[in-house]
Amino acid sequence: MRRVIPCAAIVLLCTASFLHAAAQTTQDAKTLLATPQTVAWGYYWAHARPVMTVHSGDTVTIQTLSTCGSDERLEKEGVAARDIPPYNEAIFQQVKDRGPGGHILTGPLAIAEAEPGDVLEVDILKINLDAPFACNGFGAGRGFLPNDFPYGRTRIIPLDRQKMLAHFAPGIEIPLHPFFGSMGDAPPESAGRIDSAPPWMHGGNMDNRELVAGTTLYLPVHAPGALFEVGDGHAGQGNGEVDITALETFLTGTFRFVVHKQQHLLWPRAETPTSYITMGFSPDLTTATKLAVRDMINFLVTEKHLSRDDAYMLTSVAVDVDITQLVDGSVGVHAICPKAIFHDSSTR
């Protein structure tokens, strides 16, 4: 049963929707490939034209690009041409409508039933690594320590997709945990066409490494159809993402979308098999932290039926408050509440 939606009075509705979605057969699955016609380069926007429309409960497999650059750039950095996904170069050559950000996102995908005030449940069913390499790099004036590194450097990092390890350097191997750095829907209409880099109430470039396959993301809906976009594939990342990039790579994800009517969620939330997660984003780290902590308290009051005082105390003694990332204009913080602490059936 899903409990992260902030309205205890309609838990049964949420459960029914989830069970209906789980009953969908594989023949209902759809595929959205990354092409020059199906990407949004650098923006989320309430007036973006949907490239596909599906229904609540549908499953969609979505192909995405990395942020590593064009074929020419990758080959100059030592990547073999045969290792670059074939759809990469056409997008770099043909897409001219770009910005204000730099992420190449697949979508937007419209969910027909979604309307402002609803919540979009995004079940992340599967994530595939589509290339045997990742890139990491920083540039002058960017990252968390721009004055310490006033120049640029890029590294190509081989990925062993069988052993699920990144070979960072001789003697250094990093376990792979693929996730999408950017998953979001349209922002409020009044925000206009917004930069893909700073995360906000629409989700977007959250860079939350907890959102691997088997987890669920909940997004507030601000525009008809929700207009979901995804990209910025990561093979792994450290909390903070301090040099401004992760193990950037090409991913394909399989997602199930479920609309929960009139839930009025303010900030994105998530649920993993072992935890509940709330999030906050702001240019100011303290403000972002307060947003994440306050939403965790709200969650514990609404969904676990604690008093506000008890929820505040439980957050202090049992919830981890982590820095998600420090480098995307708006920094991110997420609060992680372990499910294992709830033993009574009324709080599970």
Protein backbone atom coordinates (compact mmCIF):
# COMPACT_ATOMS: atom_id res chain seq x y z
CA MET A 1 0.00 0.00 0.00
CA ARG A 2 1.26 3.46 -0.90
CA ARG A 3 1.21 5.97 1.96
CA VAL A 4 3.33 8.84 0.79
CA ILE A 5 0.38 10.77 -0.67
CA PRO A 6 -0.60 13.44 1.87
CA CYS A 7 -4.30 12.68 2.28
CA ALA A 8 -5.11 9.85 4.64
CA ALA A 9 -8.84 10.07 3.90
CA ILE A 10 -8.33 8.63 0.43
CA VAL A 11 -5.75 5.95 1.04
CA LEU A 12 -8.23 3.39 -0.32
CA LEU A 13 -8.49 5.31 -3.57
CA CYS A 14 -4.71 5.40 -3.88
CA THR A 15 -4.50 1.67 -3.19
CA ALA A 16 -7.14 0.86 -5.76
CA SER A 17 -5.33 2.92 -8.37
CA PHE A 18 -2.05 1.18 -7.63
CA LEU A 19 -3.58 -2.30 -7.83
CA HIS A 20 -5.25 -1.40 -11.10
CA ALA A 21 -1.92 -0.21 -12.48
CA ALA A 22 -0.16 -3.37 -11.31
CA ALA A 23 -2.68 -5.44 -13.26
CA GLN A 24 -1.71 -3.88 -16.59
CA THR A 25 -0.34 -6.47 -19.01
CA THR A 26 2.89 -6.15 -20.90
CA GLN A 27 0.95 -5.68 -24.14
CA ASP A 28 -0.11 -2.27 -22.82
CA ALA A 29 3.49 -1.07 -22.53
CA LYS A 30 4.52 1.75 -24.84
CA THR A 31 7.93 2.97 -25.99
CA LEU A 32 9.15 6.55 -26.37
CA LEU A 33 12.45 6.76 -28.22
CA ALA A 34 14.81 9.73 -28.06
CA THR A 35 14.70 11.51 -31.42
CA PRO A 36 14.98 15.13 -32.59
CA GLN A 37 11.17 15.25 -32.46
CA THR A 38 10.75 13.82 -28.94
CA VAL A 39 13.17 15.79 -26.78
CA ALA A 40 12.94 19.06 -24.85
CA TRP A 41 16.39 20.63 -24.76
CA GLY A 42 16.90 22.47 -21.51
CA TYR A 43 13.42 23.31 -20.26
CA TYR A 44 10.22 22.37 -18.48
CA TRP A 45 7.15 24.30 -19.64
CA ALA A 46 3.39 24.16 -19.10
CA HIS A 47 2.81 25.00 -22.78
CA ALA A 48 5.18 22.41 -24.23
CA ARG A 49 3.61 20.18 -26.87
CA PRO A 50 3.25 16.55 -25.75
CA VAL A 51 5.14 14.05 -27.89
CA MET A 52 3.00 11.16 -26.58
CA THR A 53 -0.22 10.85 -24.60
CA VAL A 54 -0.97 7.87 -22.36
CA HIS A 55 -3.47 7.05 -19.63
CA SER A 56 -3.27 6.57 -15.89
CA GLY A 57 -1.99 3.06 -15.24
CA ASP A 58 0.00 2.86 -18.48
CA THR A 59 3.60 1.68 -18.60
CA VAL A 60 6.08 3.45 -20.87
CA THR A 61 9.71 2.66 -21.69
CA ILE A 62 11.60 5.90 -22.34
CA GLN A 63 15.00 6.28 -23.99
CA THR A 64 17.23 9.19 -22.90
CA LEU A 65 20.52 10.90 -23.67
CA SER A 66 23.43 11.74 -21.40
CA THR A 67 24.88 15.19 -20.77
CA CYS A 68 28.27 14.06 -22.12
CA GLY A 69 27.94 15.84 -25.45
CA SER A 70 28.01 15.20 -29.18
CA ASP A 71 29.64 12.25 -30.91
CA GLU A 72 32.52 14.50 -32.01
CA ARG A 73 33.21 15.61 -28.45
CA LEU A 74 32.99 12.07 -27.07
CA GLU A 75 35.32 10.68 -29.71
CA LYS A 76 37.87 13.44 -29.00
CA GLU A 77 37.76 12.39 -25.35
CA GLY A 78 38.55 8.80 -26.26
CA VAL A 79 35.16 7.11 -26.58
CA ALA A 80 34.98 4.57 -29.40
CA ALA A 81 32.37 5.50 -31.99
CA ARG A 82 30.77 2.04 -31.68
CA ASP A 83 30.09 2.70 -27.97
CA ILE A 84 28.04 5.87 -28.54
CA PRO A 85 24.29 5.22 -28.87
CA PRO A 86 23.30 5.85 -32.51
CA TYR A 87 20.50 8.30 -31.67
CA ASN A 88 22.85 10.79 -29.98
CA GLU A 89 24.27 12.63 -32.98
CA ALA A 90 21.01 13.27 -34.84
CA ILE A 91 19.64 15.10 -31.82
CA PHE A 92 22.74 17.27 -31.51
CA GLN A 93 22.63 18.09 -35.23
CA GLN A 94 18.92 18.68 -35.68
CA VAL A 95 17.47 20.18 -32.49
CA LYS A 96 17.71 23.97 -32.72
CA ASP A 97 15.14 24.97 -30.08
CA ARG A 98 17.36 24.94 -27.01
CA GLY A 99 17.46 26.43 -23.56
CA PRO A 100 17.46 28.13 -21.23
CA GLY A 101 19.10 25.04 -19.67
CA GLY A 102 21.36 22.36 -21.09
CA HIS A 103 19.72 19.03 -20.24
CA ILE A 104 18.32 16.99 -23.13
CA LEU A 105 15.08 15.55 -21.76
CA THR A 106 12.81 13.05 -23.45
CA GLY A 107 9.21 14.25 -23.53
CA PRO A 108 6.97 15.78 -22.56
CA LEU A 109 4.71 12.81 -22.02
CA ALA A 110 1.09 13.68 -21.26
CA ILE A 111 -1.05 11.56 -18.95
CA ALA A 112 -4.58 12.22 -20.18
CA GLU A 113 -6.31 12.19 -16.80
CA ALA A 114 -3.88 14.54 -15.03
CA GLU A 115 -5.11 18.03 -14.10
CA PRO A 116 -3.74 20.78 -11.85
CA GLY A 117 -4.20 19.81 -8.21
CA ASP A 118 -3.63 16.10 -8.88
CA VAL A 119 -0.56 14.06 -7.98
CA LEU A 120 1.36 12.02 -10.55
CA GLU A 121 2.77 8.76 -9.22
CA VAL A 122 5.81 7.64 -11.21
CA ASP A 123 6.74 4.04 -10.50
CA ILE A 124 10.32 3.46 -11.65
CA LEU A 125 10.13 -0.17 -12.73
CA LYS A 126 13.42 -0.69 -14.54
CA ILE A 127 16.54 1.23 -15.59
CA ASN A 128 18.96 0.00 -18.28
CA LEU A 129 22.48 1.26 -18.88
CA ASP A 130 22.75 1.94 -22.62
CA ALA A 131 26.49 2.65 -22.92
CA PRO A 132 29.69 1.11 -21.54
CA PHE A 133 31.02 4.45 -20.34
CA ALA A 134 30.20 7.48 -18.24
CA CYS A 135 31.65 10.95 -18.23
CA ASN A 136 32.43 13.30 -15.37
CA GLY A 137 33.73 16.82 -15.63
CA PHE A 138 33.85 20.31 -14.25
CA GLY A 139 34.37 23.71 -15.83
CA ALA A 140 35.75 27.07 -14.83
CA GLY A 141 33.34 28.95 -12.61
CA ARG A 142 31.14 25.91 -12.02
CA GLY A 143 30.68 23.33 -9.28
CA PHE A 144 30.76 23.80 -5.51
CA LEU A 145 34.40 24.97 -5.42
CA PRO A 146 34.73 27.18 -8.52
CA ASN A 147 37.60 29.24 -7.17
CA ASP A 148 39.61 26.16 -6.23
CA PHE A 149 39.39 24.78 -9.77
CA PRO A 150 39.39 27.74 -12.21
CA TYR A 151 39.72 25.50 -15.27
CA GLY A 152 37.95 22.55 -16.85
CA ARG A 153 38.60 18.83 -16.96
CA THR A 154 36.67 15.81 -18.25
CA ARG A 155 37.16 12.12 -17.55
CA ILE A 156 35.69 9.15 -19.43
CA ILE A 157 34.97 6.35 -16.98
CA PRO A 158 34.52 2.76 -18.26
CA LEU A 159 31.45 0.93 -16.98
CA ASP A 160 31.35 -2.82 -16.45
CA ARG A 161 27.65 -3.50 -16.95
CA GLN A 162 27.96 -7.17 -16.02
CA LYS A 163 29.67 -6.56 -12.66
CA MET A 164 27.90 -3.19 -12.23
CA LEU A 165 31.12 -1.34 -11.48
CA ALA A 166 32.67 1.89 -12.73
CA HIS A 167 36.45 1.70 -13.21
CA PHE A 168 37.30 5.22 -12.04
CA ALA A 169 41.06 4.67 -11.89
CA PRO A 170 43.48 1.80 -11.16
CA GLY A 171 42.48 0.44 -7.77
CA ILE A 172 39.25 2.48 -7.59
CA GLU A 173 35.96 0.83 -8.51
CA ILE A 174 32.56 2.38 -7.82
CA PRO A 175 29.37 0.29 -7.52
CA LEU A 176 26.74 1.37 -10.05
CA HIS A 177 23.30 2.54 -8.97
CA PRO A 178 21.65 3.94 -12.12
CA PHE A 179 19.06 6.69 -11.72
CA PHE A 180 17.74 9.67 -13.65
CA GLY A 181 19.07 13.00 -12.44
CA SER A 182 16.07 14.78 -13.92
CA MET A 183 12.47 13.61 -13.65
CA GLY A 184 9.72 16.16 -13.52
CA ASP A 185 6.53 17.56 -14.91
CA ALA A 186 5.51 21.04 -16.03
CA PRO A 187 5.88 23.90 -13.55
CA PRO A 188 2.99 26.28 -12.85
CA GLU A 189 1.92 28.15 -15.99
CA SER A 190 2.95 31.51 -14.52
CA ALA A 191 6.57 30.34 -14.25
CA GLY A 192 6.92 30.20 -18.01
CA ARG A 193 9.55 28.10 -19.75
CA ILE A 194 12.03 27.38 -16.98
CA ASP A 195 15.68 26.31 -16.96
CA SER A 196 16.13 22.56 -16.66
CA ALA A 197 18.97 22.93 -14.14
CA PRO A 198 17.40 24.18 -10.85
CA PRO A 199 14.99 21.68 -9.27
CA TRP A 200 11.75 23.05 -7.89
CA MET A 201 8.22 22.01 -6.95
CA HIS A 202 7.87 20.30 -10.34
CA GLY A 203 10.80 18.03 -9.53
CA GLY A 204 13.16 18.30 -12.48
CA ASN A 205 16.91 18.15 -11.92
CA MET A 206 16.66 16.70 -8.41
CA ASP A 207 19.81 14.54 -8.71
CA ASN A 208 18.44 12.29 -5.97
CA ARG A 209 20.42 9.06 -6.01
CA GLU A 210 17.73 7.29 -3.96
CA LEU A 211 15.42 7.21 -7.02
CA VAL A 212 16.67 3.95 -8.49
CA ALA A 213 14.59 1.14 -10.02
CA GLY A 214 12.01 -0.10 -7.54
CA THR A 215 11.23 3.32 -6.11
CA THR A 216 8.31 5.67 -6.65
CA LEU A 217 8.29 9.41 -7.20
CA TYR A 218 5.26 11.60 -6.47
CA LEU A 219 4.97 14.90 -8.34
CA PRO A 220 2.44 17.73 -7.94
CA VAL A 221 0.57 18.33 -11.19
CA HIS A 222 0.46 21.97 -12.37
CA ALA A 223 -0.66 21.66 -16.00
CA PRO A 224 -3.15 19.56 -17.96
CA GLY A 225 -1.55 16.24 -18.79
CA ALA A 226 1.23 16.79 -16.21
CA LEU A 227 3.80 16.83 -19.09
CA PHE A 228 6.43 14.46 -17.69
CA GLU A 229 10.04 14.69 -18.90
CA VAL A 230 13.06 12.58 -18.00
CA GLY A 231 16.79 12.54 -18.70
CA ASP A 232 20.23 13.32 -17.27
CA GLY A 233 21.07 9.66 -16.76
CA HIS A 234 23.49 8.79 -13.97
CA ALA A 235 25.22 5.46 -13.41
CA GLY A 236 25.89 6.65 -9.87
CA GLN A 237 26.55 9.79 -7.83
CA GLY A 238 27.72 10.96 -4.45
CA ASN A 239 25.37 13.09 -2.37
CA GLY A 240 26.29 16.70 -3.08
CA GLU A 241 27.45 16.12 -6.68
CA VAL A 242 30.10 18.67 -5.82
CA ASP A 243 31.92 19.08 -9.16
CA ILE A 244 28.48 19.53 -10.89
CA THR A 245 28.37 16.16 -12.68
CA ALA A 246 27.83 12.54 -11.67
CA LEU A 247 28.66 9.35 -13.58
CA GLU A 248 26.79 10.80 -16.55
CA THR A 249 25.59 8.20 -19.06
CA PHE A 250 22.80 6.99 -21.34
CA LEU A 251 19.81 5.29 -19.71
CA THR A 252 16.49 3.80 -20.73
CA GLY A 253 13.80 3.64 -18.06
CA THR A 254 10.49 1.83 -17.76
CA PHE A 255 7.88 3.80 -15.82
CA ARG A 256 4.28 3.27 -14.75
CA PHE A 257 2.19 6.42 -14.36
CA VAL A 258 -0.78 6.67 -12.01
CA VAL A 259 -2.86 9.82 -11.45
CA HIS A 260 -4.25 10.52 -7.97
CA LYS A 261 -7.05 13.06 -8.22
CA GLN A 262 -7.08 16.27 -6.17
CA GLN A 263 -4.27 15.47 -3.73
CA HIS A 264 -2.68 18.95 -3.67
CA LEU A 265 0.90 17.95 -2.93
CA LEU A 266 3.22 20.96 -2.71
CA TRP A 267 6.69 19.38 -3.06
CA PRO A 268 7.85 16.12 -4.64
CA ARG A 269 7.97 13.08 -2.39
CA ALA A 270 9.28 9.57 -2.91
CA GLU A 271 9.02 6.09 -1.52
CA THR A 272 11.63 3.33 -1.67
CA PRO A 273 11.19 -0.26 -0.48
CA THR A 274 12.74 0.78 2.85
CA SER A 275 11.98 4.47 3.36
CA TYR A 276 9.79 7.52 2.86
CA ILE A 277 11.46 10.61 1.40
CA THR A 278 10.53 14.29 1.42
CA MET A 279 12.45 16.98 -0.46
CA GLY A 280 13.20 20.67 -0.45
CA PHE A 281 14.82 22.92 -3.06
CA SER A 282 15.98 26.51 -2.76
CA PRO A 283 18.96 28.71 -3.66
CA ASP A 284 19.59 28.77 0.11
CA LEU A 285 20.65 25.52 1.83
CA THR A 286 18.95 26.39 5.11
CA THR A 287 15.67 27.15 3.35
CA ALA A 288 15.86 23.90 1.36
CA THR A 289 16.48 21.98 4.58
CA LYS A 290 13.52 23.58 6.32
CA LEU A 291 11.27 22.69 3.38
CA ALA A 292 12.33 19.03 3.46
CA VAL A 293 12.02 18.75 7.25
CA ARG A 294 8.65 20.52 7.39
CA ASP A 295 7.27 18.24 4.70
CA MET A 296 8.50 15.18 6.61
CA ILE A 297 6.69 16.46 9.69
CA ASN A 298 3.57 17.01 7.57
CA PHE A 299 3.87 13.48 6.21
CA LEU A 300 4.19 11.95 9.68
CA VAL A 301 1.20 13.93 10.95
CA THR A 302 -1.05 13.17 7.96
CA GLU A 303 -0.03 9.64 7.07
CA LYS A 304 1.30 8.23 10.38
CA HIS A 305 -1.21 10.07 12.56
CA LEU A 306 1.34 11.56 14.95
CA SER A 307 0.88 14.84 16.76
CA ARG A 308 2.93 17.65 15.30
CA ASP A 309 5.17 17.67 18.38
CA ASP A 310 5.77 13.92 18.15
CA ALA A 311 6.46 14.18 14.43
CA TYR A 312 9.10 16.85 15.07
CA MET A 313 10.76 14.70 17.71
CA LEU A 314 10.63 11.55 15.59
CA THR A 315 12.25 13.43 12.73
CA SER A 316 15.08 14.39 15.06
CA VAL A 317 15.74 10.91 16.40
CA ALA A 318 15.05 8.67 13.39
CA VAL A 319 15.10 10.63 10.12
CA ASP A 320 18.28 11.32 8.14
CA VAL A 321 18.49 14.75 6.52
CA ASP A 322 20.89 14.56 3.58
CA ILE A 323 22.21 17.07 1.07
CA THR A 324 21.07 15.91 -2.35
CA GLN A 325 23.14 18.30 -4.44
CA LEU A 326 24.85 21.67 -4.01
CA VAL A 327 25.44 22.77 -7.58
CA ASP A 328 22.24 23.26 -9.59
CA GLY A 329 21.30 26.85 -8.77
CA SER A 330 18.75 25.62 -6.26
CA VAL A 331 20.36 23.19 -3.85
CA GLY A 332 18.52 20.06 -2.77
CA VAL A 333 17.90 18.39 0.57
CA HIS A 334 16.02 15.17 1.23
CA ALA A 335 14.77 13.71 4.50
CA ILE A 336 14.71 9.90 4.73
CA CYS A 337 12.41 8.16 7.18
CA PRO A 338 13.00 4.40 7.58
CA LYS A 339 9.91 2.23 7.27
CA ALA A 340 11.33 -0.33 9.71
CA ILE A 341 10.59 1.91 12.70
CA PHE A 342 6.83 1.47 12.21
CA HIS A 343 5.60 -1.81 13.72
CA ASP A 344 1.98 -1.14 14.55
CA SER A 345 -0.32 -1.94 11.62
CA SER A 346 -1.91 1.50 11.89
CA THR A 347 1.39 3.25 11.09
CA ARG A 348 2.83 1.00 8.40
